[in-house]
Amino acid sequence: MNLKTLVLRYSFFAALATVANIGAQRFVFDVLGDNALIPAILVGTAVGLVLKYILDKRWIFYDLNGGISDHGKKFSAYTAMGIVTTFIFWGMETTFWLIWRTDMMREVGAILGLAIGYVVKFHLDRRFVFTNSMLSVGASR
């Protein structure tokens, strides 16, 4: 896959996961009310994480291995790599909320935090999770 295709595909998947994350957060706020920041962030993060793992595994890193054991190991490592990037996301979202106290600015913070986190996460996943990946930037498949 060439670099342009990789960047476009990864960006699209990141955008999908971001929309799923923010959508799940809005759902939690609708159900639990305006003071549900922590549950909303946790549910949104979980939804975005699972969706992004499924997309990345198959369409970014071309990891076609299956089975519960393989998925369990990879998803655990994928989640562990996401801890650092999740703190970037949560920190930005919470900071924007504390400064401006509006839903719009909280979501701006979330989107910025997710964007930064996804760039960092790609490099961590490539190095530590999908170690047998067929991904070769710049080479044709």
Foldseek 3Di string as FASTA:
>chain_A
DAPVVLVVQLVVLLVVLLCQLVVQLVVCCVVPHDVCVPVSNVRSVVSSLVSSCVCCCCPNQNPPDDDPVLCVQLSVQLVVLLPVLSCQLVVQLVVQCVVPVDPVSSSVSNVVSSVVSSVSSVVSCCVPRSVVGPDDYRDDD
